[in-house]
């Protein structure tokens, strides 16, 4: 069947795998956006820059950290970067929330969008000035090198690892918000923060930690992406528009919608590259237009 269309099964499976990998990043990034918007009502345009910061932190830790501290042999291995980079970016985001964003919560969403958009431009501009726009390679960890061969198709272990880790992080986030007591407090804080604070819950602290956790997810995705894509100062800006489209299609603030839509659209994009490559770069946006015409709140969203 596929041979009649001029497509080999190997090419189809290869593009499906690429689509699933891209979908994993879409899901992970859109999940962070959905958490922040759903619980804080902030449209966080710095998400792409924070994704870049995660990848940059991993690359700097591996290649330049030793020179900076006067210990040439010192390196930050990939396995530590998976935890340290999201932690550092999360703490950085908490500083942003405490010093800037908290002043805008009582204003229209547009002010938060403009602030975070400006911050994204500043962060990206600084890293372009320091490191340029040329890509930097990040090696795959030794234990994840190689892959599995299925007939003529070669599947790298690292790409399977990325899909597994992204799905695990998405499920853990969904479970925490939807099935735990602390997650119930988070959701209650968005519905009636004054009542929750009257019951003795520190709502501002919950908001701050939620914002930091959502931004840390972006950095985690950046570390996962570093060995696959070139680490560059503009890698976040190339991705953030697509991720926002994913969030809109899934429904703003919908946790499950972001995960399922991100994975599904990644696969659709991969299949489009096989059957009609010219439309692959716009397929997600065409789907967004159709969904918004039929269901303005998104596939899994609710009218606020």
Protein backbone atom coordinates (compact mmCIF):
# COMPACT_ATOMS: atom_id res chain seq x y z
CA UNK A 1 0.00 0.00 0.00
CA UNK A 2 2.68 2.48 1.03
CA UNK A 3 4.85 1.48 -1.93
CA UNK A 4 1.99 2.53 -4.23
CA UNK A 5 2.18 6.00 -2.68
CA UNK A 6 5.94 6.07 -3.14
CA UNK A 7 6.59 5.75 0.61
CA UNK A 8 8.56 2.98 2.25
CA UNK A 9 7.40 1.54 5.59
CA UNK A 10 10.80 2.45 7.07
CA UNK A 11 10.36 6.11 6.09
CA UNK A 12 6.86 6.14 7.55
CA UNK A 13 7.96 4.62 10.88
CA UNK A 14 10.94 6.96 11.00
CA UNK A 15 8.74 10.03 10.57
CA UNK A 16 6.28 8.68 13.14
CA UNK A 17 9.13 8.37 15.63
CA UNK A 18 10.30 11.91 14.86
CA UNK A 19 6.73 13.11 15.24
CA UNK A 20 6.40 11.33 18.58
CA UNK A 21 9.64 12.92 19.80
CA UNK A 22 8.52 16.38 18.70
CA UNK A 23 5.13 15.68 20.24
CA UNK A 24 6.81 14.80 23.54
CA UNK A 25 8.47 18.22 23.61
CA UNK A 26 5.20 19.90 22.60
CA UNK A 27 3.40 18.08 25.41
CA UNK A 28 6.02 18.89 28.04
CA UNK A 29 6.25 22.57 27.11
CA UNK A 30 2.52 23.09 26.66
CA UNK A 31 1.96 21.33 29.99
CA UNK A 32 4.08 23.96 31.75
CA UNK A 33 2.15 26.71 29.99
CA UNK A 34 -1.17 25.12 30.89
CA UNK A 35 -0.19 24.76 34.56
CA UNK A 36 0.81 28.42 34.79
CA UNK A 37 -2.24 29.71 32.94
CA UNK A 38 -4.71 27.33 34.54
CA UNK A 39 -3.58 28.03 38.10
CA UNK A 40 -2.24 31.59 37.84
CA UNK A 41 -4.07 33.02 34.79
CA UNK A 42 -0.72 34.22 33.37
CA UNK A 43 0.15 33.81 29.68
CA UNK A 44 3.85 33.04 30.13
CA UNK A 45 5.69 34.08 26.97
CA UNK A 46 9.08 33.47 28.62
CA UNK A 47 8.50 29.73 28.29
CA UNK A 48 10.55 29.42 25.11
CA UNK A 49 13.43 31.36 26.65
CA UNK A 50 13.33 29.13 29.75
CA UNK A 51 13.41 26.05 27.52
CA UNK A 52 16.55 27.53 25.95
CA UNK A 53 17.97 28.29 29.41
CA UNK A 54 17.60 24.64 30.40
CA UNK A 55 19.52 23.46 27.34
CA UNK A 56 22.12 26.23 27.74
CA UNK A 57 22.61 25.41 31.43
CA UNK A 58 23.32 21.77 30.55
CA UNK A 59 25.77 22.75 27.78
CA UNK A 60 27.55 25.40 29.89
CA UNK A 61 27.81 22.98 32.80
CA UNK A 62 29.44 20.37 30.61
CA UNK A 63 31.76 22.53 28.51
CA UNK A 64 32.53 25.77 30.36
CA UNK A 65 31.82 25.39 34.06
CA UNK A 66 35.33 24.14 34.84
CA UNK A 67 36.96 27.14 33.17
CA UNK A 68 34.69 29.57 35.00
CA UNK A 69 35.56 28.23 38.46
CA UNK A 70 39.25 27.59 37.73
CA UNK A 71 38.92 23.78 37.67
CA UNK A 72 39.38 22.68 34.02
CA UNK A 73 38.41 19.06 34.69
CA UNK A 74 35.12 19.95 36.36
CA UNK A 75 32.04 19.03 34.30
CA UNK A 76 28.34 18.86 35.02
CA UNK A 77 27.25 15.47 33.66
CA UNK A 78 23.95 15.01 31.86
CA UNK A 79 22.34 13.10 34.74
CA UNK A 80 22.99 15.94 37.19
CA UNK A 81 21.94 18.54 34.61
CA UNK A 82 18.53 16.86 34.39
CA UNK A 83 17.91 17.95 37.99
CA UNK A 84 20.14 20.99 38.48
CA UNK A 85 19.16 22.92 35.33
CA UNK A 86 15.37 22.79 36.05
CA UNK A 87 16.08 23.70 39.69
CA UNK A 88 18.18 26.73 38.73
CA UNK A 89 15.68 27.90 36.10
CA UNK A 90 12.81 27.33 38.55
CA UNK A 91 14.53 29.48 41.18
CA UNK A 92 15.23 32.15 38.57
CA UNK A 93 11.54 32.09 37.61
CA UNK A 94 10.51 32.45 41.24
CA UNK A 95 12.58 35.64 41.45
CA UNK A 96 10.74 36.92 38.36
CA UNK A 97 7.38 36.07 39.90
CA UNK A 98 8.16 37.69 43.25
CA UNK A 99 9.67 40.87 41.81
CA UNK A 100 7.58 41.47 38.68
CA UNK A 101 4.64 39.20 37.92
CA UNK A 102 2.96 39.45 41.34
CA UNK A 103 2.43 43.16 40.71
CA UNK A 104 0.29 42.37 37.66
CA UNK A 105 -2.11 39.73 38.99
CA UNK A 106 -4.91 42.23 39.55
CA UNK A 107 -4.53 43.68 36.04
CA UNK A 108 -5.66 42.43 32.63
CA UNK A 109 -3.91 39.33 31.17
CA UNK A 110 -2.42 41.53 28.46
CA UNK A 111 0.01 43.14 30.92
CA UNK A 112 1.41 39.79 31.99
CA UNK A 113 1.76 38.73 28.36
CA UNK A 114 3.63 41.94 27.48
CA UNK A 115 5.94 41.61 30.50
CA UNK A 116 6.81 37.99 29.82
CA UNK A 117 7.26 38.70 26.09
CA UNK A 118 9.69 41.51 26.93
CA UNK A 119 11.57 39.28 29.38
CA UNK A 120 11.88 36.58 26.72
CA UNK A 121 13.41 39.09 24.30
CA UNK A 122 15.85 40.30 26.97
CA UNK A 123 16.95 36.78 27.96
CA UNK A 124 17.35 35.68 24.35
CA UNK A 125 19.21 38.89 23.47
CA UNK A 126 21.68 38.43 26.32
CA UNK A 127 22.48 34.86 25.32
CA UNK A 128 22.80 35.84 21.66
CA UNK A 129 25.31 38.50 22.74
CA UNK A 130 27.29 36.07 24.93
CA UNK A 131 27.20 32.93 22.80
CA UNK A 132 26.12 34.04 19.33
CA UNK A 133 23.50 32.26 17.23
CA UNK A 134 25.57 29.32 16.01
CA UNK A 135 24.50 25.95 17.37
CA UNK A 136 26.52 24.07 19.97
CA UNK A 137 26.47 20.26 20.12
CA UNK A 138 25.80 18.37 23.32
CA UNK A 139 26.90 14.71 23.44
CA UNK A 140 24.51 11.87 24.11
CA UNK A 141 25.30 10.17 27.46
CA UNK A 142 27.47 7.07 27.00
CA UNK A 143 24.88 4.71 28.45
CA UNK A 144 22.24 5.88 25.94
CA UNK A 145 24.37 5.75 22.81
CA UNK A 146 23.55 3.28 20.09
CA UNK A 147 20.11 1.95 19.42
CA UNK A 148 17.97 -0.90 18.25
CA UNK A 149 17.69 -2.04 14.63
CA UNK A 150 14.35 -3.25 13.32
CA UNK A 151 14.88 -4.59 9.79
CA UNK A 152 16.33 -1.57 7.97
CA UNK A 153 15.19 0.95 10.59
CA UNK A 154 17.60 2.15 13.29
CA UNK A 155 16.00 3.61 16.44
CA UNK A 156 18.41 5.44 18.79
CA UNK A 157 18.10 4.60 22.48
CA UNK A 158 18.29 8.26 23.45
CA UNK A 159 15.20 9.17 21.47
CA UNK A 160 13.23 6.40 23.14
CA UNK A 161 14.54 7.69 26.48
CA UNK A 162 13.30 11.22 25.65
CA UNK A 163 9.81 9.98 24.84
CA UNK A 164 9.69 7.89 28.02
CA UNK A 165 10.95 10.69 30.27
CA UNK A 166 8.62 13.28 28.74
CA UNK A 167 5.61 10.99 29.19
CA UNK A 168 6.65 10.19 32.77
CA UNK A 169 7.00 13.90 33.62
CA UNK A 170 3.63 14.70 32.03
CA UNK A 171 1.87 11.90 33.90
CA UNK A 172 3.51 12.82 37.21
CA UNK A 173 2.42 16.46 36.81
CA UNK A 174 -1.15 15.48 35.91
CA UNK A 175 -1.34 13.05 38.82
CA UNK A 176 0.03 15.62 41.28
CA UNK A 177 -2.48 18.31 40.26
CA UNK A 178 -5.54 16.12 39.78
CA UNK A 179 -5.11 13.33 42.36
CA UNK A 180 -3.27 14.72 45.41
CA UNK A 181 -4.33 16.89 48.35
CA UNK A 182 -1.80 19.58 47.49
CA UNK A 183 -3.08 19.59 43.94
CA UNK A 184 -6.58 20.16 45.31
CA UNK A 185 -5.27 23.16 47.23
CA UNK A 186 -3.73 24.52 44.04
CA UNK A 187 -7.01 24.22 42.18
CA UNK A 188 -8.96 25.66 45.09
CA UNK A 189 -6.57 28.60 45.23
CA UNK A 190 -7.48 29.55 41.67
CA UNK A 191 -11.22 29.34 42.37
CA UNK A 192 -11.37 31.26 45.65
CA UNK A 193 -7.95 32.37 46.97
CA UNK A 194 -9.40 34.59 49.73
CA UNK A 195 -11.41 31.76 51.25
CA UNK A 196 -8.42 29.41 51.10
CA UNK A 197 -6.18 31.98 52.77
CA UNK A 198 -8.79 32.50 55.46
CA UNK A 199 -8.48 28.78 56.22
CA UNK A 200 -4.77 29.26 56.96
CA UNK A 201 -3.27 28.27 53.59
CA UNK A 202 -0.38 30.38 52.32
CA UNK A 203 -1.82 31.12 48.87
CA UNK A 204 1.00 33.45 47.68
CA UNK A 205 3.54 30.73 48.42
CA UNK A 206 1.49 28.18 46.45
CA UNK A 207 1.27 30.58 43.51
CA UNK A 208 5.02 31.21 43.57
CA UNK A 209 5.92 27.52 43.74
CA UNK A 210 3.46 26.70 40.97
CA UNK A 211 5.00 29.27 38.66
CA UNK A 212 8.50 27.99 39.45
CA UNK A 213 7.44 24.37 38.83
CA UNK A 214 5.81 25.23 35.50
CA UNK A 215 8.96 27.02 34.35
CA UNK A 216 11.15 24.14 35.57
CA UNK A 217 9.22 21.83 33.22
CA UNK A 218 10.37 24.01 30.31
CA UNK A 219 13.99 23.76 31.47
CA UNK A 220 13.64 19.99 31.87
CA UNK A 221 12.47 19.79 28.25
CA UNK A 222 15.49 21.88 27.26
CA UNK A 223 17.94 19.46 28.89
CA UNK A 224 16.24 16.52 27.16
CA UNK A 225 16.45 18.36 23.83
CA UNK A 226 20.13 19.34 24.12
CA UNK A 227 21.60 16.06 22.71
CA UNK A 228 19.03 15.98 19.86
CA UNK A 229 18.96 19.57 18.61
CA UNK A 230 21.68 22.18 18.39
CA UNK A 231 21.89 24.26 21.58
CA UNK A 232 21.47 27.86 20.49
CA UNK A 233 20.13 31.11 21.93
CA UNK A 234 17.19 31.14 19.49
CA UNK A 235 16.05 27.54 19.94
CA UNK A 236 13.17 28.60 22.19
CA UNK A 237 11.78 31.27 19.88
CA UNK A 238 11.61 28.73 17.06
CA UNK A 239 9.36 26.50 19.16
CA UNK A 240 7.21 28.71 21.36
CA UNK A 241 4.68 29.74 18.68
CA UNK A 242 3.95 26.08 17.88
CA UNK A 243 3.60 25.30 21.59
CA UNK A 244 1.13 28.14 22.07
CA UNK A 245 -0.90 26.73 19.18
CA UNK A 246 -0.88 23.34 20.91
CA UNK A 247 -2.14 24.92 24.14
CA UNK A 248 -4.93 26.75 22.28
CA UNK A 249 -6.02 23.59 20.48
CA UNK A 250 -6.01 21.53 23.68
CA UNK A 251 -7.75 24.24 25.70
CA UNK A 252 -6.09 26.98 27.74
CA UNK A 253 -5.43 25.65 31.24
CA UNK A 254 -6.32 22.03 30.45
CA UNK A 255 -3.60 19.72 31.80
CA UNK A 256 -4.81 16.55 30.07
CA UNK A 257 -5.60 18.53 26.92
CA UNK A 258 -2.04 19.84 26.66
CA UNK A 259 -0.52 16.38 27.03
CA UNK A 260 -2.81 14.56 24.59
CA UNK A 261 -2.86 17.39 22.05
CA UNK A 262 0.91 17.83 22.13
CA UNK A 263 1.54 14.15 21.45
CA UNK A 264 -1.19 13.92 18.83
CA UNK A 265 -0.11 17.00 16.90
CA UNK A 266 3.50 15.86 16.90
CA UNK A 267 2.42 12.64 15.21
CA UNK A 268 0.18 14.53 12.76
CA UNK A 269 3.08 16.81 11.88
CA UNK A 270 5.32 13.78 11.30
CA UNK A 271 2.75 12.11 9.02
CA UNK A 272 2.27 15.37 7.11
CA UNK A 273 6.00 15.41 6.34
CA UNK A 274 5.57 11.97 4.74
CA UNK A 275 2.44 12.52 2.66
CA UNK A 276 2.55 16.27 1.95
CA UNK A 277 5.86 17.84 3.10
CA UNK A 278 4.97 21.31 1.84
CA UNK A 279 2.21 21.60 4.46
CA UNK A 280 4.15 20.23 7.44
CA UNK A 281 5.14 23.67 8.77
CA UNK A 282 1.55 24.95 8.78
CA UNK A 283 -0.45 21.81 9.56
CA UNK A 284 -0.72 22.58 13.30
CA UNK A 285 -1.95 26.11 12.62
CA UNK A 286 -4.55 24.87 10.13
CA UNK A 287 -5.81 22.46 12.79
CA UNK A 288 -5.88 25.35 15.30
CA UNK A 289 -8.05 27.44 12.98
CA UNK A 290 -10.50 24.58 12.42
CA UNK A 291 -10.74 23.78 16.14
CA UNK A 292 -11.29 27.42 17.11
CA UNK A 293 -14.05 27.75 14.52
CA UNK A 294 -15.82 24.66 15.86
CA UNK A 295 -14.96 24.89 19.57
CA UNK A 296 -13.43 28.24 20.61
CA UNK A 297 -12.48 26.98 24.08
CA UNK A 298 -10.31 24.20 22.60
CA UNK A 299 -10.81 20.44 22.47
CA UNK A 300 -10.55 19.94 26.24
CA UNK A 301 -11.07 23.51 27.44
CA UNK A 302 -13.97 25.03 29.30
CA UNK A 303 -15.53 28.42 28.70
CA UNK A 304 -14.47 30.69 31.56
